[in-house]
Amino acid sequence: AGFDLAFSPVKSVSALWAIAPPEISATIERCHRLAVSDALGYIEKHALFTREGAKGVRQVETRGLVAAAFTHRDSRAGDPDLHTHVAVANKVQARESGKWLAIDGRVIFKATVAASETYNTALEHHLGRELGVVFQASPGSDPGKRPVREIVGIDPRLNTRWSTRRASITDRTETLTRQ
C-alpha cells in the first residue's frame, strides 16, 4: 500500500528541543520540518520512479509523491523524541503518460540511507543557521560506522537519561544472550 519513511534527529536535538524555551523549541521543530522536506525533495528528485511497458521494462520519471507526514514528540517510553513518519502512497503519476502507477520500490529502498544522510546534514545546517548550534562526533563512536554527531554543549548524561527505550532493549538483549 505504501512506504513508511521515518526522520529522527540525534538525541541531543530532541533533548535541547525538550528543555529549551518555547520559542527555541519552535525553531528546532521548524528546522526539523525543513530537513524532512529537504530529504523528501531528494527522494522525489533521485529515487521516485515508476515502470511502464510489458513487464515494467521501462523505468520512467514521475510528477512527485503523495504523502502525509505525522510528527511525534516522544518515544514509546515517554522520552522526548522529536521525529516524523511520512506515509508515502504507493501510487505516482508517470510524467509522460499521466498514468497513475506503483512506485518502483527497488529504487526508493536503495535511497533510504542517502535520504537519511540528506536529512541529518540539512538539519545540522538549518539549526546552525537559525540557532548557531555546532555539532561534533560523539566520543566512542564505532570507527566502522558513520560517527554520530551530537550538539556541542548538551550533556551526554541527558541523552542517556532520555534513552530509556534503548536501555530497555539493551538490557533485554543482554539477558537473552546470557541464557
N, C-alpha and C. Protein backbone atom coordinates (compact mmCIF):
# COMPACT_ATOMS: atom_id res chain seq x y z
N ALA A 1 0.81 -1.20 0.00
CA ALA A 1 0.00 0.00 0.00
C ALA A 1 0.85 1.26 0.00
N GLY A 2 2.07 1.17 0.55
CA GLY A 2 2.91 2.36 0.60
C GLY A 2 4.19 2.13 1.36
N PHE A 3 4.82 3.21 1.70
CA PHE A 3 6.11 3.18 2.38
C PHE A 3 6.03 4.07 3.61
N ASP A 4 6.71 3.66 4.70
CA ASP A 4 6.80 4.48 5.90
C ASP A 4 8.23 4.96 6.02
N LEU A 5 8.44 6.23 5.83
CA LEU A 5 9.75 6.82 5.99
C LEU A 5 9.77 7.53 7.34
N ALA A 6 10.82 7.35 8.11
CA ALA A 6 10.92 8.00 9.42
C ALA A 6 12.17 8.86 9.46
N PHE A 7 12.01 10.07 9.96
CA PHE A 7 13.12 11.01 10.08
C PHE A 7 13.23 11.43 11.53
N SER A 8 14.36 11.08 12.14
CA SER A 8 14.56 11.30 13.56
C SER A 8 15.93 11.93 13.81
N PRO A 9 15.97 13.05 14.51
CA PRO A 9 17.27 13.67 14.79
C PRO A 9 18.03 12.89 15.86
N VAL A 10 19.29 13.23 16.00
CA VAL A 10 20.09 12.65 17.08
C VAL A 10 19.49 13.07 18.42
N LYS A 11 19.81 12.33 19.45
CA LYS A 11 19.19 12.53 20.76
C LYS A 11 19.40 13.94 21.31
N SER A 12 20.57 14.54 21.08
CA SER A 12 20.81 15.88 21.64
C SER A 12 19.87 16.92 21.06
N VAL A 13 19.39 16.74 19.83
CA VAL A 13 18.43 17.68 19.25
C VAL A 13 17.10 17.57 20.01
N SER A 14 16.65 16.33 20.24
CA SER A 14 15.40 16.15 20.99
C SER A 14 15.55 16.64 22.43
N ALA A 15 16.73 16.45 23.01
CA ALA A 15 16.96 16.92 24.38
C ALA A 15 16.91 18.44 24.44
N LEU A 16 17.58 19.11 23.52
CA LEU A 16 17.55 20.57 23.50
C LEU A 16 16.12 21.06 23.24
N TRP A 17 15.44 20.43 22.30
CA TRP A 17 14.05 20.79 22.00
C TRP A 17 13.17 20.69 23.26
N ALA A 18 13.40 19.65 24.09
CA ALA A 18 12.58 19.40 25.27
C ALA A 18 12.83 20.42 26.39
N ILE A 19 14.06 20.88 26.54
CA ILE A 19 14.38 21.76 27.68
C ILE A 19 14.43 23.24 27.31
N ALA A 20 14.37 23.54 26.04
CA ALA A 20 14.52 24.93 25.60
C ALA A 20 13.24 25.74 25.86
N PRO A 21 13.38 27.06 25.93
CA PRO A 21 12.18 27.92 26.00
C PRO A 21 11.31 27.68 24.75
N PRO A 22 10.01 27.95 24.86
CA PRO A 22 9.09 27.65 23.75
C PRO A 22 9.51 28.20 22.38
N GLU A 23 10.06 29.40 22.34
CA GLU A 23 10.43 29.97 21.03
C GLU A 23 11.61 29.22 20.40
N ILE A 24 12.53 28.73 21.23
CA ILE A 24 13.67 27.95 20.72
C ILE A 24 13.17 26.57 20.28
N SER A 25 12.29 25.96 21.09
CA SER A 25 11.71 24.67 20.72
C SER A 25 10.98 24.77 19.39
N ALA A 26 10.25 25.85 19.19
CA ALA A 26 9.52 26.05 17.92
C ALA A 26 10.50 26.17 16.75
N THR A 27 11.62 26.83 16.97
CA THR A 27 12.63 26.95 15.92
C THR A 27 13.24 25.59 15.60
N ILE A 28 13.52 24.80 16.62
CA ILE A 28 14.07 23.45 16.41
C ILE A 28 13.08 22.61 15.60
N GLU A 29 11.81 22.69 15.95
CA GLU A 29 10.80 21.92 15.24
C GLU A 29 10.68 22.40 13.78
N ARG A 30 10.76 23.70 13.57
CA ARG A 30 10.72 24.23 12.20
C ARG A 30 11.92 23.74 11.39
N CYS A 31 13.10 23.74 12.00
CA CYS A 31 14.30 23.23 11.31
C CYS A 31 14.16 21.75 10.99
N HIS A 32 13.57 21.00 11.90
CA HIS A 32 13.31 19.57 11.66
C HIS A 32 12.38 19.41 10.45
N ARG A 33 11.30 20.18 10.41
CA ARG A 33 10.36 20.09 9.27
C ARG A 33 11.05 20.45 7.95
N LEU A 34 11.91 21.47 7.97
CA LEU A 34 12.64 21.84 6.77
C LEU A 34 13.57 20.72 6.32
N ALA A 35 14.23 20.07 7.27
CA ALA A 35 15.14 18.96 6.93
C ALA A 35 14.36 17.77 6.38
N VAL A 36 13.18 17.50 6.93
CA VAL A 36 12.32 16.43 6.38
C VAL A 36 11.95 16.79 4.94
N SER A 37 11.58 18.03 4.71
CA SER A 37 11.24 18.49 3.37
C SER A 37 12.42 18.34 2.41
N ASP A 38 13.61 18.67 2.89
CA ASP A 38 14.82 18.51 2.06
C ASP A 38 15.04 17.04 1.69
N ALA A 39 14.84 16.15 2.65
CA ALA A 39 15.02 14.71 2.39
C ALA A 39 13.98 14.19 1.41
N LEU A 40 12.74 14.65 1.56
CA LEU A 40 11.69 14.24 0.62
C LEU A 40 11.97 14.79 -0.77
N GLY A 41 12.51 15.99 -0.85
CA GLY A 41 12.92 16.56 -2.14
C GLY A 41 13.99 15.72 -2.80
N TYR A 42 14.94 15.23 -1.97
CA TYR A 42 15.97 14.34 -2.50
C TYR A 42 15.34 13.08 -3.10
N ILE A 43 14.40 12.49 -2.36
CA ILE A 43 13.73 11.28 -2.83
C ILE A 43 12.99 11.55 -4.14
N GLU A 44 12.23 12.65 -4.17
CA GLU A 44 11.49 12.98 -5.39
C GLU A 44 12.41 13.14 -6.60
N LYS A 45 13.54 13.77 -6.38
CA LYS A 45 14.46 14.07 -7.50
C LYS A 45 15.28 12.85 -7.93
N HIS A 46 15.68 12.01 -6.96
CA HIS A 46 16.64 10.96 -7.27
C HIS A 46 16.13 9.53 -7.13
N ALA A 47 14.97 9.32 -6.50
CA ALA A 47 14.58 7.94 -6.19
C ALA A 47 13.11 7.63 -6.45
N LEU A 48 12.37 8.53 -7.02
CA LEU A 48 10.94 8.29 -7.21
C LEU A 48 10.65 8.05 -8.69
N PHE A 49 10.48 6.79 -9.02
CA PHE A 49 10.22 6.38 -10.39
C PHE A 49 9.09 5.36 -10.39
N THR A 50 8.54 5.13 -11.56
CA THR A 50 7.60 4.04 -11.77
C THR A 50 8.08 3.28 -13.00
N ARG A 51 7.34 2.23 -13.35
CA ARG A 51 7.73 1.41 -14.51
C ARG A 51 6.54 1.29 -15.46
N GLU A 52 6.84 1.32 -16.73
CA GLU A 52 5.81 1.16 -17.77
C GLU A 52 6.29 0.13 -18.79
N GLY A 53 5.36 -0.29 -19.62
CA GLY A 53 5.68 -1.23 -20.69
C GLY A 53 5.46 -2.66 -20.24
N ALA A 54 5.62 -3.58 -21.18
CA ALA A 54 5.44 -5.01 -20.89
C ALA A 54 6.36 -5.43 -19.76
N LYS A 55 5.77 -5.99 -18.72
CA LYS A 55 6.51 -6.45 -17.54
C LYS A 55 7.34 -5.34 -16.89
N GLY A 56 6.92 -4.09 -17.05
CA GLY A 56 7.61 -2.97 -16.41
C GLY A 56 9.03 -2.78 -16.88
N VAL A 57 9.25 -2.99 -18.17
CA VAL A 57 10.59 -2.97 -18.72
C VAL A 57 11.22 -1.57 -18.70
N ARG A 58 10.39 -0.52 -18.70
CA ARG A 58 10.92 0.84 -18.82
C ARG A 58 10.69 1.62 -17.54
N GLN A 59 11.77 2.12 -16.93
CA GLN A 59 11.66 2.97 -15.75
C GLN A 59 11.39 4.40 -16.23
N VAL A 60 10.36 5.05 -15.65
CA VAL A 60 10.00 6.40 -16.10
C VAL A 60 9.92 7.38 -14.94
N GLU A 61 10.08 8.65 -15.25
CA GLU A 61 10.02 9.71 -14.25
C GLU A 61 8.58 9.98 -13.84
N THR A 62 8.44 10.57 -12.67
CA THR A 62 7.11 10.82 -12.10
C THR A 62 6.92 12.30 -11.80
N ARG A 63 5.70 12.65 -11.41
CA ARG A 63 5.38 14.05 -11.09
C ARG A 63 5.51 14.37 -9.61
N GLY A 64 5.88 13.45 -8.76
CA GLY A 64 6.03 13.74 -7.34
C GLY A 64 5.29 12.74 -6.49
N LEU A 65 5.58 12.75 -5.21
CA LEU A 65 4.97 11.76 -4.33
C LEU A 65 3.73 12.28 -3.64
N VAL A 66 2.88 11.34 -3.24
CA VAL A 66 1.69 11.65 -2.46
C VAL A 66 1.97 11.09 -1.07
N ALA A 67 1.95 11.95 -0.06
CA ALA A 67 2.34 11.51 1.27
C ALA A 67 1.66 12.34 2.35
N ALA A 68 1.66 11.80 3.55
CA ALA A 68 1.18 12.52 4.73
C ALA A 68 2.26 12.38 5.81
N ALA A 69 2.58 13.49 6.45
CA ALA A 69 3.62 13.49 7.49
C ALA A 69 2.96 13.60 8.86
N PHE A 70 3.46 12.80 9.80
CA PHE A 70 2.95 12.79 11.17
C PHE A 70 4.13 13.01 12.10
N THR A 71 4.14 14.13 12.80
CA THR A 71 5.24 14.42 13.72
C THR A 71 4.88 13.94 15.10
N HIS A 72 5.81 13.19 15.69
CA HIS A 72 5.66 12.70 17.07
C HIS A 72 6.67 13.43 17.93
N ARG A 73 6.36 13.52 19.21
CA ARG A 73 7.22 14.29 20.09
C ARG A 73 7.78 13.49 21.26
N ASP A 74 7.47 12.21 21.31
CA ASP A 74 8.05 11.37 22.36
C ASP A 74 8.21 9.95 21.84
N SER A 75 8.98 9.17 22.58
CA SER A 75 9.19 7.77 22.23
C SER A 75 8.09 6.93 22.87
N ARG A 76 8.08 5.66 22.57
CA ARG A 76 7.10 4.77 23.20
C ARG A 76 7.29 4.71 24.71
N ALA A 77 8.52 5.01 25.15
CA ALA A 77 8.81 5.00 26.59
C ALA A 77 8.49 6.35 27.25
N GLY A 78 8.06 7.33 26.45
CA GLY A 78 7.71 8.64 27.01
C GLY A 78 8.86 9.62 27.06
N ASP A 79 10.01 9.26 26.51
CA ASP A 79 11.15 10.17 26.47
C ASP A 79 10.94 11.21 25.36
N PRO A 80 11.50 12.42 25.51
CA PRO A 80 11.43 13.38 24.41
C PRO A 80 12.09 12.78 23.17
N ASP A 81 11.38 12.77 22.06
CA ASP A 81 11.90 12.17 20.83
C ASP A 81 11.16 12.79 19.65
N LEU A 82 11.64 13.95 19.20
CA LEU A 82 11.06 14.62 18.06
C LEU A 82 11.37 13.80 16.81
N HIS A 83 10.35 13.35 16.11
CA HIS A 83 10.56 12.59 14.87
C HIS A 83 9.30 12.63 14.01
N THR A 84 9.48 12.38 12.74
CA THR A 84 8.36 12.44 11.80
C THR A 84 8.31 11.17 10.97
N HIS A 85 7.11 10.60 10.90
CA HIS A 85 6.83 9.48 9.99
C HIS A 85 6.15 10.07 8.76
N VAL A 86 6.59 9.65 7.60
CA VAL A 86 5.97 10.08 6.35
C VAL A 86 5.40 8.84 5.68
N ALA A 87 4.07 8.78 5.60
CA ALA A 87 3.39 7.68 4.93
C ALA A 87 3.28 8.05 3.45
N VAL A 88 4.00 7.30 2.61
CA VAL A 88 4.05 7.58 1.18
C VAL A 88 3.13 6.59 0.46
N ALA A 89 2.15 7.11 -0.26
CA ALA A 89 1.25 6.25 -1.03
C ALA A 89 2.04 5.56 -2.15
N ASN A 90 1.68 4.33 -2.44
CA ASN A 90 2.39 3.57 -3.47
C ASN A 90 1.81 3.85 -4.86
N LYS A 91 1.45 5.07 -5.10
CA LYS A 91 0.98 5.48 -6.42
C LYS A 91 1.63 6.80 -6.79
N VAL A 92 2.13 6.85 -8.01
CA VAL A 92 2.71 8.08 -8.54
C VAL A 92 2.20 8.25 -9.97
N GLN A 93 2.25 9.47 -10.43
CA GLN A 93 1.81 9.74 -11.79
C GLN A 93 3.03 9.77 -12.71
N ALA A 94 3.00 8.93 -13.74
CA ALA A 94 4.08 8.93 -14.73
C ALA A 94 4.08 10.28 -15.44
N ARG A 95 5.24 10.88 -15.56
CA ARG A 95 5.34 12.23 -16.11
C ARG A 95 4.83 12.31 -17.56
N GLU A 96 5.23 11.40 -18.41
CA GLU A 96 4.85 11.49 -19.83
C GLU A 96 3.43 11.01 -20.11
N SER A 97 3.07 9.84 -19.59
CA SER A 97 1.76 9.26 -19.94
C SER A 97 0.63 9.77 -19.06
N GLY A 98 0.95 10.27 -17.87
CA GLY A 98 -0.08 10.73 -16.95
C GLY A 98 -0.76 9.59 -16.20
N LYS A 99 -0.35 8.36 -16.43
CA LYS A 99 -0.96 7.21 -15.75
C LYS A 99 -0.52 7.18 -14.29
N TRP A 100 -1.44 6.70 -13.43
CA TRP A 100 -1.12 6.50 -12.02
C TRP A 100 -0.68 5.05 -11.86
N LEU A 101 0.57 4.87 -11.44
CA LEU A 101 1.17 3.54 -11.35
C LEU A 101 1.88 3.39 -10.01
N ALA A 102 2.31 2.17 -9.73
CA ALA A 102 3.02 1.89 -8.48
C ALA A 102 4.44 2.46 -8.52
N ILE A 103 4.93 2.81 -7.37
CA ILE A 103 6.32 3.27 -7.23
C ILE A 103 7.26 2.10 -7.51
N ASP A 104 8.37 2.38 -8.17
CA ASP A 104 9.42 1.38 -8.35
C ASP A 104 10.16 1.28 -7.00
N GLY A 105 9.74 0.33 -6.18
CA GLY A 105 10.24 0.21 -4.81
C GLY A 105 11.72 -0.08 -4.70
N ARG A 106 12.29 -0.71 -5.71
CA ARG A 106 13.72 -1.04 -5.64
C ARG A 106 14.57 0.21 -5.48
N VAL A 107 14.20 1.26 -6.20
CA VAL A 107 14.99 2.49 -6.17
C VAL A 107 14.82 3.21 -4.84
N ILE A 108 13.59 3.30 -4.37
CA ILE A 108 13.35 4.02 -3.11
C ILE A 108 14.01 3.30 -1.93
N PHE A 109 14.02 1.96 -1.95
CA PHE A 109 14.69 1.22 -0.87
C PHE A 109 16.19 1.49 -0.89
N LYS A 110 16.79 1.54 -2.07
CA LYS A 110 18.23 1.80 -2.17
C LYS A 110 18.58 3.22 -1.73
N ALA A 111 17.62 4.13 -1.79
CA ALA A 111 17.89 5.54 -1.49
C ALA A 111 17.65 5.92 -0.03
N THR A 112 17.23 4.96 0.81
CA THR A 112 16.86 5.34 2.18
C THR A 112 18.04 5.88 2.98
N VAL A 113 19.22 5.30 2.82
CA VAL A 113 20.39 5.79 3.57
C VAL A 113 20.76 7.19 3.09
N ALA A 114 20.75 7.39 1.78
CA ALA A 114 21.08 8.72 1.25
C ALA A 114 20.05 9.76 1.70
N ALA A 115 18.78 9.38 1.75
CA ALA A 115 17.73 10.31 2.22
C ALA A 115 17.94 10.63 3.70
N SER A 116 18.33 9.63 4.48
CA SER A 116 18.60 9.85 5.90
C SER A 116 19.78 10.79 6.09
N GLU A 117 20.83 10.59 5.30
CA GLU A 117 22.01 11.48 5.38
C GLU A 117 21.64 12.89 4.92
N THR A 118 20.78 13.00 3.93
CA THR A 118 20.30 14.31 3.48
C THR A 118 19.58 15.01 4.63
N TYR A 119 18.72 14.26 5.33
CA TYR A 119 18.01 14.82 6.48
C TYR A 119 19.00 15.28 7.56
N ASN A 120 19.95 14.42 7.93
CA ASN A 120 20.90 14.75 9.00
C ASN A 120 21.72 16.00 8.66
N THR A 121 22.23 16.04 7.43
CA THR A 121 23.05 17.17 7.00
C THR A 121 22.22 18.45 6.95
N ALA A 122 21.00 18.35 6.41
CA ALA A 122 20.13 19.52 6.33
C ALA A 122 19.75 20.02 7.72
N LEU A 123 19.46 19.11 8.64
CA LEU A 123 19.10 19.53 9.99
C LEU A 123 20.26 20.27 10.66
N GLU A 124 21.47 19.74 10.55
CA GLU A 124 22.63 20.45 11.10
C GLU A 124 22.75 21.84 10.49
N HIS A 125 22.57 21.93 9.19
CA HIS A 125 22.66 23.23 8.51
C HIS A 125 21.60 24.20 9.02
N HIS A 126 20.34 23.76 9.04
CA HIS A 126 19.25 24.65 9.46
C HIS A 126 19.42 25.08 10.92
N LEU A 127 19.78 24.15 11.81
CA LEU A 127 19.95 24.50 13.22
C LEU A 127 21.16 25.42 13.42
N GLY A 128 22.22 25.17 12.67
CA GLY A 128 23.39 26.05 12.76
C GLY A 128 23.06 27.46 12.31
N ARG A 129 22.31 27.57 11.22
CA ARG A 129 21.94 28.88 10.69
C ARG A 129 20.97 29.61 11.63
N GLU A 130 19.98 28.90 12.14
CA GLU A 130 18.92 29.53 12.95
C GLU A 130 19.33 29.76 14.40
N LEU A 131 20.08 28.82 14.98
CA LEU A 131 20.39 28.91 16.41
C LEU A 131 21.89 28.97 16.73
N GLY A 132 22.72 28.79 15.72
CA GLY A 132 24.16 28.84 15.95
C GLY A 132 24.73 27.61 16.65
N VAL A 133 23.95 26.52 16.73
CA VAL A 133 24.47 25.32 17.38
C VAL A 133 25.55 24.68 16.50
N VAL A 134 26.44 23.96 17.17
CA VAL A 134 27.54 23.28 16.50
C VAL A 134 27.45 21.80 16.84
N PHE A 135 27.72 20.97 15.86
CA PHE A 135 27.70 19.52 16.05
C PHE A 135 29.12 18.99 15.96
N GLN A 136 29.37 17.90 16.69
CA GLN A 136 30.64 17.19 16.57
C GLN A 136 30.41 15.71 16.82
N ALA A 137 31.33 14.90 16.33
CA ALA A 137 31.22 13.46 16.53
C ALA A 137 31.27 13.16 18.02
N SER A 138 30.35 12.32 18.47
CA SER A 138 30.34 11.98 19.89
C SER A 138 31.45 10.97 20.17
N PRO A 139 32.05 11.05 21.36
CA PRO A 139 33.13 10.13 21.69
C PRO A 139 32.61 8.69 21.75
N GLY A 140 33.49 7.77 21.40
CA GLY A 140 33.13 6.36 21.48
C GLY A 140 32.35 5.87 20.27
N SER A 141 32.31 6.66 19.20
CA SER A 141 31.62 6.21 18.00
C SER A 141 32.35 5.02 17.41
N ASP A 142 31.60 4.08 16.87
CA ASP A 142 32.16 2.90 16.21
C ASP A 142 32.93 3.36 14.97
N PRO A 143 34.25 3.08 14.89
CA PRO A 143 35.04 3.55 13.75
C PRO A 143 34.59 2.95 12.42
N GLY A 144 33.87 1.84 12.46
CA GLY A 144 33.38 1.22 11.23
C GLY A 144 32.09 1.82 10.72
N LYS A 145 31.51 2.75 11.48
CA LYS A 145 30.23 3.34 11.10
C LYS A 145 30.37 4.86 11.00
N ARG A 146 29.38 5.48 10.38
CA ARG A 146 29.33 6.93 10.33
C ARG A 146 29.25 7.44 11.76
N PRO A 147 30.08 8.41 12.14
CA PRO A 147 30.02 8.90 13.52
C PRO A 147 28.69 9.58 13.81
N VAL A 148 28.21 9.39 15.02
CA VAL A 148 27.00 10.08 15.47
C VAL A 148 27.43 11.48 15.88
N ARG A 149 26.81 12.48 15.30
CA ARG A 149 27.16 13.87 15.58
C ARG A 149 26.09 14.48 16.48
N GLU A 150 26.51 14.90 17.65
CA GLU A 150 25.59 15.49 18.63
C GLU A 150 25.89 16.98 18.77
N ILE A 151 24.94 17.70 19.36
CA ILE A 151 25.12 19.14 19.59
C ILE A 151 26.14 19.33 20.71
N VAL A 152 27.13 20.17 20.44
CA VAL A 152 28.14 20.50 21.44
C VAL A 152 27.46 21.26 22.58
N GLY A 153 27.73 20.84 23.81
CA GLY A 153 27.19 21.53 24.98
C GLY A 153 25.99 20.84 25.61
N ILE A 154 25.41 19.87 24.94
CA ILE A 154 24.32 19.10 25.55
C ILE A 154 24.96 17.96 26.33
N ASP A 155 24.70 17.91 27.61
CA ASP A 155 25.30 16.91 28.48
C ASP A 155 24.93 15.50 28.01
N PRO A 156 25.92 14.66 27.71
CA PRO A 156 25.64 13.29 27.27
C PRO A 156 24.80 12.49 28.27
N ARG A 157 24.87 12.85 29.55
CA ARG A 157 24.06 12.15 30.55
C ARG A 157 22.57 12.39 30.31
N LEU A 158 22.23 13.56 29.79
CA LEU A 158 20.83 13.85 29.46
C LEU A 158 20.38 12.97 28.30
N ASN A 159 21.24 12.81 27.30
CA ASN A 159 20.94 11.92 26.17
C ASN A 159 20.71 10.50 26.67
N THR A 160 21.56 10.05 27.58
CA THR A 160 21.43 8.70 28.13
C THR A 160 20.16 8.58 28.96
N ARG A 161 19.88 9.59 29.77
CA ARG A 161 18.69 9.57 30.63
C ARG A 161 17.40 9.45 29.81
N TRP A 162 17.40 10.11 28.66
CA TRP A 162 16.21 10.08 27.81
C TRP A 162 16.32 9.04 26.69
N SER A 163 17.03 7.96 26.98
CA SER A 163 17.12 6.83 26.05
C SER A 163 16.65 5.57 26.75
N THR A 164 15.56 5.66 27.52
CA THR A 164 15.11 4.51 28.31
C THR A 164 14.67 3.35 27.44
N ARG A 165 14.11 3.61 26.28
CA ARG A 165 13.71 2.51 25.40
C ARG A 165 14.93 1.76 24.92
N ARG A 166 15.98 2.47 24.51
CA ARG A 166 17.22 1.83 24.06
C ARG A 166 17.83 1.03 25.21
N ALA A 167 17.85 1.60 26.40
CA ALA A 167 18.40 0.91 27.57
C ALA A 167 17.61 -0.37 27.85
N SER A 168 16.30 -0.29 27.74
CA SER A 168 15.45 -1.46 27.97
C SER A 168 15.75 -2.57 26.96
N ILE A 169 15.90 -2.19 25.71
CA ILE A 169 16.21 -3.17 24.66
C ILE A 169 17.59 -3.78 24.90
N THR A 170 18.56 -2.95 25.25
CA THR A 170 19.92 -3.44 25.52
C THR A 170 19.92 -4.40 26.69
N ASP A 171 19.23 -4.04 27.78
CA ASP A 171 19.15 -4.92 28.96
C ASP A 171 18.51 -6.26 28.59
N ARG A 172 17.44 -6.20 27.85
CA ARG A 172 16.74 -7.43 27.46
C ARG A 172 17.62 -8.33 26.57
N THR A 173 18.34 -7.69 25.63
CA THR A 173 19.23 -8.43 24.75
C THR A 173 20.33 -9.11 25.55
N GLU A 174 20.93 -8.37 26.51
CA GLU A 174 21.98 -8.95 27.36
C GLU A 174 21.45 -10.11 28.18
N THR A 175 20.24 -9.97 28.69
CA THR A 175 19.63 -11.05 29.46
C THR A 175 19.43 -12.29 28.60
N LEU A 176 18.94 -12.10 27.40
CA LEU A 176 18.70 -13.23 26.49
C LEU A 176 20.00 -13.89 26.06
N THR A 177 21.06 -13.11 25.88
CA THR A 177 22.34 -13.69 25.45
C THR A 177 22.99 -14.52 26.57
N ARG A 178 22.73 -14.13 27.81
CA ARG A 178 23.32 -14.88 28.94
C ARG A 178 22.60 -16.22 29.13
N GLN A 179 21.39 -16.36 28.66
CA GLN A 179 20.62 -17.58 28.92
C GLN A 179 21.06 -18.72 28.02
